[in-house]
Amino acid sequence: MVPGSPRSNAPEAPAPRAVPLLGGARLPLAFILYGLACYAIACGWLVARPSLLLEPHLHPRVVALVHLLLPGFLLSVTLGAFYQLVPVVLGTPLPASLRALWFHFAIHVTGSATLVGGFIAGRFEWVGAGGLAVSAGILFFTTSIWHAFLASNRRDALAWSFPLSAS
């Protein structure tokens, strides 16, 4: 509105319903900080042992480094971003309880740490258990995102991008 112009008598459009941040944004931040910690550990590991880059690509320590970067860093930051954005963009809270979402965080941290530790120690039963835990967490995550999408009224391209990319 230009200063000095008369006010319009038209009613203002109602503000969209605000959805509170998930757990006060603590849960998304926990995922993101865990991912950044994994990234810092991977960088520190490479600084301490640069010869790791010269080892064969199927060496257990190289595979452990890759799993520290992918499920540890990249997947954690992605999960945190999803848990932050989905309720805001879709305008509906996630259907899972906050306790279940924190349990997902605990499963993810435990699973990815067990996965990396199993590769370092050469204990492939740990690798299997860690991979199973991370996979179970992703299954829970995907169903939560689909439930939130189906509960919302929004059906544009941005809304569809969440459940499709989570799948």
N, C-alpha and C. Protein backbone atom coordinates (compact mmCIF):
# COMPACT_ATOMS: atom_id res chain seq x y z
N MET A 1 0.84 -1.16 0.00
CA MET A 1 0.00 0.00 0.00
C MET A 1 0.90 1.24 0.00
N VAL A 2 0.57 2.19 -0.82
CA VAL A 2 1.35 3.42 -0.92
C VAL A 2 1.01 4.31 0.26
N PRO A 3 2.04 4.93 0.91
CA PRO A 3 1.73 5.82 2.03
C PRO A 3 0.81 6.96 1.60
N GLY A 4 -0.17 7.26 2.39
CA GLY A 4 -1.11 8.33 2.12
C GLY A 4 -2.31 7.90 1.30
N SER A 5 -2.34 6.70 0.78
CA SER A 5 -3.49 6.25 -0.01
C SER A 5 -4.57 5.75 0.94
N PRO A 6 -5.83 5.80 0.51
CA PRO A 6 -6.91 5.35 1.39
C PRO A 6 -6.85 3.84 1.60
N ARG A 7 -7.28 3.40 2.76
CA ARG A 7 -7.30 1.97 3.08
C ARG A 7 -8.40 1.28 2.32
N SER A 8 -8.12 0.07 1.95
CA SER A 8 -9.12 -0.72 1.24
C SER A 8 -10.09 -1.30 2.25
N ASN A 9 -11.36 -1.38 1.89
CA ASN A 9 -12.37 -1.98 2.75
C ASN A 9 -12.52 -3.47 2.49
N ALA A 10 -11.74 -3.99 1.55
CA ALA A 10 -11.83 -5.42 1.23
C ALA A 10 -11.28 -6.22 2.41
N PRO A 11 -11.95 -7.32 2.73
CA PRO A 11 -11.45 -8.13 3.85
C PRO A 11 -10.12 -8.80 3.48
N GLU A 12 -9.27 -8.89 4.47
CA GLU A 12 -7.97 -9.53 4.24
C GLU A 12 -8.17 -11.03 4.15
N ALA A 13 -7.32 -11.65 3.35
CA ALA A 13 -7.37 -13.11 3.21
C ALA A 13 -6.92 -13.74 4.53
N PRO A 14 -7.58 -14.81 4.93
CA PRO A 14 -7.17 -15.43 6.19
C PRO A 14 -5.76 -16.01 6.06
N ALA A 15 -5.01 -15.89 7.12
CA ALA A 15 -3.65 -16.41 7.14
C ALA A 15 -3.70 -17.94 7.17
N PRO A 16 -2.77 -18.58 6.47
CA PRO A 16 -2.76 -20.05 6.52
C PRO A 16 -2.48 -20.54 7.93
N ARG A 17 -3.08 -21.69 8.23
CA ARG A 17 -2.92 -22.26 9.57
C ARG A 17 -1.46 -22.65 9.80
N ALA A 18 -0.90 -22.18 10.87
CA ALA A 18 0.51 -22.46 11.18
C ALA A 18 0.63 -23.84 11.82
N VAL A 19 1.62 -24.58 11.38
CA VAL A 19 1.91 -25.89 11.96
C VAL A 19 3.17 -25.73 12.79
N PRO A 20 3.13 -26.10 14.07
CA PRO A 20 4.33 -25.93 14.88
C PRO A 20 5.47 -26.81 14.37
N LEU A 21 6.68 -26.34 14.58
CA LEU A 21 7.84 -27.12 14.17
C LEU A 21 7.89 -28.42 14.95
N LEU A 22 8.36 -29.45 14.32
CA LEU A 22 8.39 -30.79 14.88
C LEU A 22 9.26 -30.81 16.13
N GLY A 23 8.65 -31.01 17.27
CA GLY A 23 9.40 -31.10 18.53
C GLY A 23 10.18 -29.84 18.82
N GLY A 24 9.68 -28.70 18.40
CA GLY A 24 10.43 -27.47 18.60
C GLY A 24 11.68 -27.43 17.75
N ALA A 25 11.71 -28.17 16.66
CA ALA A 25 12.82 -28.27 15.71
C ALA A 25 14.01 -29.01 16.31
N ARG A 26 13.85 -29.64 17.46
CA ARG A 26 14.97 -30.38 18.06
C ARG A 26 15.28 -31.66 17.30
N LEU A 27 14.24 -32.38 16.86
CA LEU A 27 14.47 -33.63 16.16
C LEU A 27 15.17 -33.41 14.82
N PRO A 28 14.70 -32.50 13.96
CA PRO A 28 15.45 -32.27 12.72
C PRO A 28 16.88 -31.81 12.98
N LEU A 29 17.05 -30.97 13.99
CA LEU A 29 18.39 -30.51 14.32
C LEU A 29 19.27 -31.65 14.80
N ALA A 30 18.70 -32.59 15.53
CA ALA A 30 19.48 -33.74 16.00
C ALA A 30 19.97 -34.57 14.81
N PHE A 31 19.10 -34.81 13.83
CA PHE A 31 19.53 -35.55 12.63
C PHE A 31 20.63 -34.79 11.90
N ILE A 32 20.46 -33.49 11.73
CA ILE A 32 21.43 -32.70 10.98
C ILE A 32 22.76 -32.63 11.73
N LEU A 33 22.73 -32.44 13.03
CA LEU A 33 23.98 -32.38 13.80
C LEU A 33 24.69 -33.73 13.80
N TYR A 34 23.93 -34.82 13.87
CA TYR A 34 24.55 -36.14 13.78
C TYR A 34 25.22 -36.32 12.41
N GLY A 35 24.55 -35.88 11.36
CA GLY A 35 25.14 -35.97 10.03
C GLY A 35 26.42 -35.15 9.91
N LEU A 36 26.41 -33.95 10.48
CA LEU A 36 27.62 -33.12 10.44
C LEU A 36 28.74 -33.72 11.27
N ALA A 37 28.40 -34.38 12.37
CA ALA A 37 29.42 -35.06 13.18
C ALA A 37 30.04 -36.21 12.38
N CYS A 38 29.22 -36.95 11.66
CA CYS A 38 29.74 -38.03 10.80
C CYS A 38 30.66 -37.47 9.73
N TYR A 39 30.29 -36.35 9.16
CA TYR A 39 31.14 -35.72 8.14
C TYR A 39 32.47 -35.28 8.74
N ALA A 40 32.43 -34.69 9.93
CA ALA A 40 33.67 -34.26 10.58
C ALA A 40 34.56 -35.46 10.91
N ILE A 41 33.97 -36.55 11.36
CA ILE A 41 34.74 -37.76 11.66
C ILE A 41 35.37 -38.30 10.39
N ALA A 42 34.62 -38.33 9.29
CA ALA A 42 35.16 -38.82 8.02
C ALA A 42 36.31 -37.94 7.53
N CYS A 43 36.15 -36.63 7.65
CA CYS A 43 37.23 -35.72 7.24
C CYS A 43 38.46 -35.91 8.13
N GLY A 44 38.23 -36.03 9.44
CA GLY A 44 39.35 -36.26 10.35
C GLY A 44 40.06 -37.58 10.07
N TRP A 45 39.28 -38.59 9.73
CA TRP A 45 39.85 -39.89 9.40
C TRP A 45 40.73 -39.79 8.16
N LEU A 46 40.27 -39.06 7.16
CA LEU A 46 41.06 -38.89 5.95
C LEU A 46 42.31 -38.06 6.18
N VAL A 47 42.24 -37.09 7.08
CA VAL A 47 43.43 -36.30 7.41
C VAL A 47 44.44 -37.18 8.15
N ALA A 48 43.95 -38.00 9.06
CA ALA A 48 44.85 -38.87 9.84
C ALA A 48 45.41 -40.01 9.00
N ARG A 49 44.63 -40.51 8.05
CA ARG A 49 45.09 -41.64 7.20
C ARG A 49 44.81 -41.34 5.73
N PRO A 50 45.59 -40.46 5.12
CA PRO A 50 45.34 -40.16 3.69
C PRO A 50 45.61 -41.36 2.79
N SER A 51 46.37 -42.34 3.27
CA SER A 51 46.63 -43.53 2.46
C SER A 51 45.36 -44.36 2.26
N LEU A 52 44.31 -44.04 3.00
CA LEU A 52 43.04 -44.74 2.85
C LEU A 52 42.51 -44.60 1.42
N LEU A 53 42.81 -43.48 0.79
CA LEU A 53 42.34 -43.25 -0.57
C LEU A 53 43.07 -44.10 -1.61
N LEU A 54 44.20 -44.68 -1.21
CA LEU A 54 44.97 -45.52 -2.13
C LEU A 54 44.63 -47.00 -2.01
N GLU A 55 43.83 -47.35 -1.01
CA GLU A 55 43.47 -48.75 -0.82
C GLU A 55 42.43 -49.17 -1.85
N PRO A 56 42.30 -50.48 -2.10
CA PRO A 56 41.28 -50.94 -3.05
C PRO A 56 39.87 -50.51 -2.61
N HIS A 57 39.02 -50.28 -3.58
CA HIS A 57 37.70 -49.73 -3.27
C HIS A 57 36.81 -50.70 -2.49
N LEU A 58 37.14 -51.97 -2.44
CA LEU A 58 36.35 -52.92 -1.65
C LEU A 58 36.98 -53.24 -0.30
N HIS A 59 38.05 -52.53 0.06
CA HIS A 59 38.66 -52.74 1.37
C HIS A 59 37.66 -52.32 2.46
N PRO A 60 37.56 -53.09 3.54
CA PRO A 60 36.55 -52.76 4.56
C PRO A 60 36.66 -51.35 5.13
N ARG A 61 37.87 -50.81 5.27
CA ARG A 61 37.98 -49.45 5.80
C ARG A 61 37.47 -48.41 4.80
N VAL A 62 37.68 -48.66 3.52
CA VAL A 62 37.17 -47.74 2.49
C VAL A 62 35.64 -47.82 2.46
N VAL A 63 35.11 -49.03 2.56
CA VAL A 63 33.65 -49.19 2.58
C VAL A 63 33.07 -48.55 3.85
N ALA A 64 33.80 -48.65 4.96
CA ALA A 64 33.35 -48.00 6.20
C ALA A 64 33.31 -46.49 6.03
N LEU A 65 34.33 -45.92 5.38
CA LEU A 65 34.35 -44.48 5.12
C LEU A 65 33.18 -44.06 4.24
N VAL A 66 32.90 -44.85 3.22
CA VAL A 66 31.78 -44.54 2.34
C VAL A 66 30.46 -44.59 3.12
N HIS A 67 30.31 -45.58 4.00
CA HIS A 67 29.08 -45.67 4.79
C HIS A 67 29.01 -44.58 5.87
N LEU A 68 30.14 -44.10 6.31
CA LEU A 68 30.14 -42.96 7.24
C LEU A 68 29.66 -41.71 6.53
N LEU A 69 30.02 -41.59 5.25
CA LEU A 69 29.61 -40.40 4.49
C LEU A 69 28.19 -40.50 3.96
N LEU A 70 27.78 -41.69 3.48
CA LEU A 70 26.45 -41.78 2.86
C LEU A 70 25.33 -41.97 3.88
N PRO A 71 25.21 -43.12 4.58
CA PRO A 71 24.14 -43.20 5.57
C PRO A 71 24.39 -42.28 6.77
N GLY A 72 25.66 -42.11 7.13
CA GLY A 72 25.96 -41.28 8.30
C GLY A 72 25.70 -39.82 8.05
N PHE A 73 26.35 -39.25 7.05
CA PHE A 73 26.23 -37.82 6.79
C PHE A 73 25.03 -37.48 5.90
N LEU A 74 25.06 -37.97 4.68
CA LEU A 74 24.08 -37.53 3.69
C LEU A 74 22.65 -37.93 4.06
N LEU A 75 22.45 -39.16 4.45
CA LEU A 75 21.10 -39.61 4.80
C LEU A 75 20.59 -38.90 6.06
N SER A 76 21.45 -38.69 7.03
CA SER A 76 21.02 -38.02 8.27
C SER A 76 20.58 -36.58 8.00
N VAL A 77 21.35 -35.86 7.22
CA VAL A 77 20.98 -34.47 6.91
C VAL A 77 19.69 -34.45 6.09
N THR A 78 19.53 -35.39 5.18
CA THR A 78 18.31 -35.46 4.39
C THR A 78 17.09 -35.76 5.26
N LEU A 79 17.23 -36.70 6.19
CA LEU A 79 16.12 -37.01 7.10
C LEU A 79 15.75 -35.80 7.95
N GLY A 80 16.76 -35.10 8.46
CA GLY A 80 16.50 -33.90 9.25
C GLY A 80 15.78 -32.83 8.44
N ALA A 81 16.20 -32.65 7.19
CA ALA A 81 15.55 -31.66 6.33
C ALA A 81 14.10 -32.05 6.04
N PHE A 82 13.86 -33.32 5.77
CA PHE A 82 12.50 -33.79 5.53
C PHE A 82 11.62 -33.56 6.75
N TYR A 83 12.11 -33.96 7.92
CA TYR A 83 11.31 -33.81 9.13
C TYR A 83 11.04 -32.34 9.44
N GLN A 84 11.89 -31.44 8.99
CA GLN A 84 11.66 -30.02 9.20
C GLN A 84 10.68 -29.46 8.17
N LEU A 85 10.82 -29.87 6.92
CA LEU A 85 10.05 -29.25 5.84
C LEU A 85 8.65 -29.82 5.63
N VAL A 86 8.49 -31.12 5.82
CA VAL A 86 7.21 -31.75 5.50
C VAL A 86 6.03 -31.13 6.26
N PRO A 87 6.10 -30.98 7.58
CA PRO A 87 4.94 -30.37 8.25
C PRO A 87 4.68 -28.93 7.82
N VAL A 88 5.74 -28.19 7.51
CA VAL A 88 5.57 -26.79 7.13
C VAL A 88 4.96 -26.68 5.73
N VAL A 89 5.50 -27.42 4.79
CA VAL A 89 5.04 -27.30 3.40
C VAL A 89 3.66 -27.92 3.22
N LEU A 90 3.44 -29.10 3.81
CA LEU A 90 2.15 -29.76 3.64
C LEU A 90 1.07 -29.18 4.54
N GLY A 91 1.46 -28.44 5.56
CA GLY A 91 0.47 -27.84 6.45
C GLY A 91 -0.21 -28.82 7.36
N THR A 92 0.41 -29.96 7.58
CA THR A 92 -0.16 -30.97 8.46
C THR A 92 0.97 -31.60 9.27
N PRO A 93 0.72 -31.89 10.52
CA PRO A 93 1.78 -32.52 11.31
C PRO A 93 2.02 -33.97 10.88
N LEU A 94 3.19 -34.46 11.19
CA LEU A 94 3.47 -35.86 10.90
C LEU A 94 2.58 -36.74 11.77
N PRO A 95 2.07 -37.83 11.24
CA PRO A 95 1.13 -38.65 12.00
C PRO A 95 1.78 -39.43 13.13
N ALA A 96 3.07 -39.69 13.03
CA ALA A 96 3.75 -40.46 14.07
C ALA A 96 3.94 -39.59 15.31
N SER A 97 3.95 -40.23 16.45
CA SER A 97 4.17 -39.48 17.68
C SER A 97 5.62 -39.02 17.76
N LEU A 98 5.85 -38.00 18.55
CA LEU A 98 7.20 -37.48 18.71
C LEU A 98 8.11 -38.54 19.31
N ARG A 99 7.58 -39.37 20.18
CA ARG A 99 8.38 -40.45 20.78
C ARG A 99 8.82 -41.45 19.70
N ALA A 100 7.92 -41.77 18.76
CA ALA A 100 8.28 -42.69 17.68
C ALA A 100 9.33 -42.08 16.76
N LEU A 101 9.24 -40.77 16.53
CA LEU A 101 10.23 -40.11 15.69
C LEU A 101 11.60 -40.07 16.37
N TRP A 102 11.62 -39.85 17.67
CA TRP A 102 12.90 -39.91 18.40
C TRP A 102 13.45 -41.34 18.42
N PHE A 103 12.55 -42.32 18.44
CA PHE A 103 13.00 -43.70 18.36
C PHE A 103 13.64 -43.96 16.99
N HIS A 104 13.08 -43.35 15.94
CA HIS A 104 13.69 -43.45 14.62
C HIS A 104 15.10 -42.86 14.64
N PHE A 105 15.27 -41.73 15.31
CA PHE A 105 16.60 -41.13 15.42
C PHE A 105 17.56 -42.09 16.13
N ALA A 106 17.11 -42.68 17.22
CA ALA A 106 17.97 -43.61 17.97
C ALA A 106 18.32 -44.84 17.13
N ILE A 107 17.35 -45.36 16.39
CA ILE A 107 17.60 -46.51 15.51
C ILE A 107 18.59 -46.13 14.42
N HIS A 108 18.43 -44.94 13.85
CA HIS A 108 19.32 -44.49 12.78
C HIS A 108 20.75 -44.33 13.27
N VAL A 109 20.91 -43.68 14.41
CA VAL A 109 22.25 -43.46 14.95
C VAL A 109 22.90 -44.79 15.31
N THR A 110 22.16 -45.64 16.00
CA THR A 110 22.69 -46.95 16.38
C THR A 110 23.02 -47.78 15.15
N GLY A 111 22.11 -47.80 14.18
CA GLY A 111 22.32 -48.59 12.98
C GLY A 111 23.50 -48.13 12.14
N SER A 112 23.61 -46.83 11.92
CA SER A 112 24.71 -46.35 11.09
C SER A 112 26.05 -46.49 11.80
N ALA A 113 26.08 -46.30 13.12
CA ALA A 113 27.33 -46.50 13.86
C ALA A 113 27.72 -47.97 13.87
N THR A 114 26.75 -48.86 14.03
CA THR A 114 27.04 -50.30 13.99
C THR A 114 27.50 -50.72 12.61
N LEU A 115 26.91 -50.16 11.59
CA LEU A 115 27.29 -50.45 10.21
C LEU A 115 28.76 -50.08 9.97
N VAL A 116 29.14 -48.86 10.33
CA VAL A 116 30.51 -48.40 10.11
C VAL A 116 31.48 -49.18 10.99
N GLY A 117 31.12 -49.36 12.26
CA GLY A 117 31.99 -50.13 13.17
C GLY A 117 32.17 -51.56 12.72
N GLY A 118 31.14 -52.16 12.17
CA GLY A 118 31.24 -53.53 11.67
C GLY A 118 32.20 -53.65 10.50
N PHE A 119 32.18 -52.67 9.60
CA PHE A 119 33.13 -52.70 8.49
C PHE A 119 34.56 -52.51 8.98
N ILE A 120 34.75 -51.60 9.93
CA ILE A 120 36.11 -51.36 10.45
C ILE A 120 36.64 -52.60 11.14
N ALA A 121 35.81 -53.24 11.94
CA ALA A 121 36.25 -54.41 12.71
C ALA A 121 36.22 -55.70 11.89
N GLY A 122 35.64 -55.67 10.71
CA GLY A 122 35.50 -56.88 9.91
C GLY A 122 34.46 -57.84 10.46
N ARG A 123 33.51 -57.32 11.20
CA ARG A 123 32.43 -58.13 11.79
C ARG A 123 31.17 -57.90 10.96
N PHE A 124 30.94 -58.80 10.02
CA PHE A 124 29.87 -58.58 9.06
C PHE A 124 28.49 -58.90 9.63
N GLU A 125 28.43 -59.57 10.77
CA GLU A 125 27.13 -59.71 11.44
C GLU A 125 26.69 -58.35 12.00
N TRP A 126 27.66 -57.52 12.41
CA TRP A 126 27.34 -56.16 12.86
C TRP A 126 26.88 -55.33 11.66
N VAL A 127 27.54 -55.53 10.54
CA VAL A 127 27.16 -54.80 9.33
C VAL A 127 25.71 -55.12 8.97
N GLY A 128 25.35 -56.39 9.02
CA GLY A 128 23.98 -56.79 8.71
C GLY A 128 22.98 -56.20 9.69
N ALA A 129 23.32 -56.23 10.98
CA ALA A 129 22.41 -55.68 11.99
C ALA A 129 22.26 -54.17 11.82
N GLY A 130 23.37 -53.49 11.56
CA GLY A 130 23.31 -52.04 11.36
C GLY A 130 22.53 -51.67 10.11
N GLY A 131 22.76 -52.42 9.03
CA GLY A 131 22.02 -52.16 7.80
C GLY A 131 20.53 -52.42 7.96
N LEU A 132 20.19 -53.45 8.72
CA LEU A 132 18.78 -53.74 8.99
C LEU A 132 18.14 -52.62 9.80
N ALA A 133 18.86 -52.09 10.78
CA ALA A 133 18.32 -51.00 11.60
C ALA A 133 18.10 -49.73 10.77
N VAL A 134 19.09 -49.39 9.93
CA VAL A 134 18.93 -48.21 9.08
C VAL A 134 17.78 -48.41 8.09
N SER A 135 17.66 -49.60 7.53
CA SER A 135 16.57 -49.90 6.59
C SER A 135 15.21 -49.84 7.27
N ALA A 136 15.11 -50.35 8.49
CA ALA A 136 13.85 -50.28 9.23
C ALA A 136 13.47 -48.83 9.51
N GLY A 137 14.46 -48.01 9.84
CA GLY A 137 14.20 -46.59 10.05
C GLY A 137 13.70 -45.90 8.79
N ILE A 138 14.26 -46.27 7.65
CA ILE A 138 13.84 -45.68 6.38
C ILE A 138 12.42 -46.12 6.03
N LEU A 139 12.09 -47.36 6.33
CA LEU A 139 10.71 -47.83 6.10
C LEU A 139 9.73 -47.04 6.96
N PHE A 140 10.06 -46.81 8.23
CA PHE A 140 9.23 -46.00 9.11
C PHE A 140 9.11 -44.57 8.57
N PHE A 141 10.23 -44.00 8.15
CA PHE A 141 10.27 -42.64 7.60
C PHE A 141 9.36 -42.52 6.38
N THR A 142 9.48 -43.47 5.46
CA THR A 142 8.69 -43.41 4.23
C THR A 142 7.20 -43.50 4.51
N THR A 143 6.81 -44.39 5.41
CA THR A 143 5.38 -44.49 5.73
C THR A 143 4.89 -43.23 6.44
N SER A 144 5.72 -42.62 7.27
CA SER A 144 5.32 -41.37 7.94
C SER A 144 5.11 -40.25 6.94
N ILE A 145 5.99 -40.15 5.95
CA ILE A 145 5.87 -39.10 4.94
C ILE A 145 4.61 -39.33 4.09
N TRP A 146 4.35 -40.56 3.70
CA TRP A 146 3.15 -40.85 2.92
C TRP A 146 1.88 -40.55 3.71
N HIS A 147 1.87 -40.90 4.99
CA HIS A 147 0.69 -40.61 5.82
C HIS A 147 0.48 -39.11 5.96
N ALA A 148 1.56 -38.36 6.12
CA ALA A 148 1.42 -36.90 6.22
C ALA A 148 0.91 -36.33 4.90
N PHE A 149 1.40 -36.85 3.80
CA PHE A 149 0.94 -36.38 2.48
C PHE A 149 -0.54 -36.68 2.27
N LEU A 150 -0.96 -37.89 2.61
CA LEU A 150 -2.36 -38.26 2.41
C LEU A 150 -3.29 -37.49 3.35
N ALA A 151 -2.79 -37.05 4.51
CA ALA A 151 -3.61 -36.29 5.45
C ALA A 151 -3.73 -34.82 5.05
N SER A 152 -2.81 -34.34 4.21
CA SER A 152 -2.86 -32.93 3.82
C SER A 152 -3.78 -32.75 2.62
N ASN A 153 -4.19 -31.52 2.38
CA ASN A 153 -5.06 -31.20 1.25
C ASN A 153 -4.26 -30.73 0.04
N ARG A 154 -2.97 -30.55 0.21
CA ARG A 154 -2.13 -30.01 -0.84
C ARG A 154 -1.73 -31.12 -1.82
N ARG A 155 -1.91 -30.87 -3.12
CA ARG A 155 -1.58 -31.87 -4.14
C ARG A 155 -0.82 -31.26 -5.31
N ASP A 156 -0.04 -30.22 -5.08
CA ASP A 156 0.75 -29.65 -6.17
C ASP A 156 2.08 -30.39 -6.31
N ALA A 157 2.91 -29.94 -7.22
CA ALA A 157 4.17 -30.63 -7.51
C ALA A 157 5.08 -30.66 -6.29
N LEU A 158 5.11 -29.60 -5.52
CA LEU A 158 5.96 -29.57 -4.33
C LEU A 158 5.49 -30.58 -3.30
N ALA A 159 4.19 -30.69 -3.12
CA ALA A 159 3.66 -31.66 -2.16
C ALA A 159 3.94 -33.08 -2.61
N TRP A 160 3.81 -33.35 -3.89
CA TRP A 160 4.08 -34.70 -4.41
C TRP A 160 5.56 -35.05 -4.31
N SER A 161 6.43 -34.05 -4.33
CA SER A 161 7.86 -34.33 -4.30
C SER A 161 8.30 -35.02 -3.01
N PHE A 162 7.64 -34.76 -1.90
CA PHE A 162 8.04 -35.37 -0.62
C PHE A 162 7.81 -36.87 -0.59
N PRO A 163 6.58 -37.35 -0.81
CA PRO A 163 6.40 -38.82 -0.74
C PRO A 163 7.11 -39.55 -1.86
N LEU A 164 7.19 -38.94 -3.04
CA LEU A 164 7.86 -39.64 -4.14
C LEU A 164 9.35 -39.74 -3.90
N SER A 165 9.98 -38.70 -3.40
CA SER A 165 11.42 -38.79 -3.14
C SER A 165 11.71 -39.64 -1.90
N ALA A 166 10.80 -39.67 -0.95
CA ALA A 166 11.00 -40.55 0.22
C ALA A 166 10.88 -42.02 -0.18
N SER A 167 10.09 -42.27 -1.20
CA SER A 167 9.92 -43.66 -1.64
C SER A 167 11.12 -44.14 -2.40
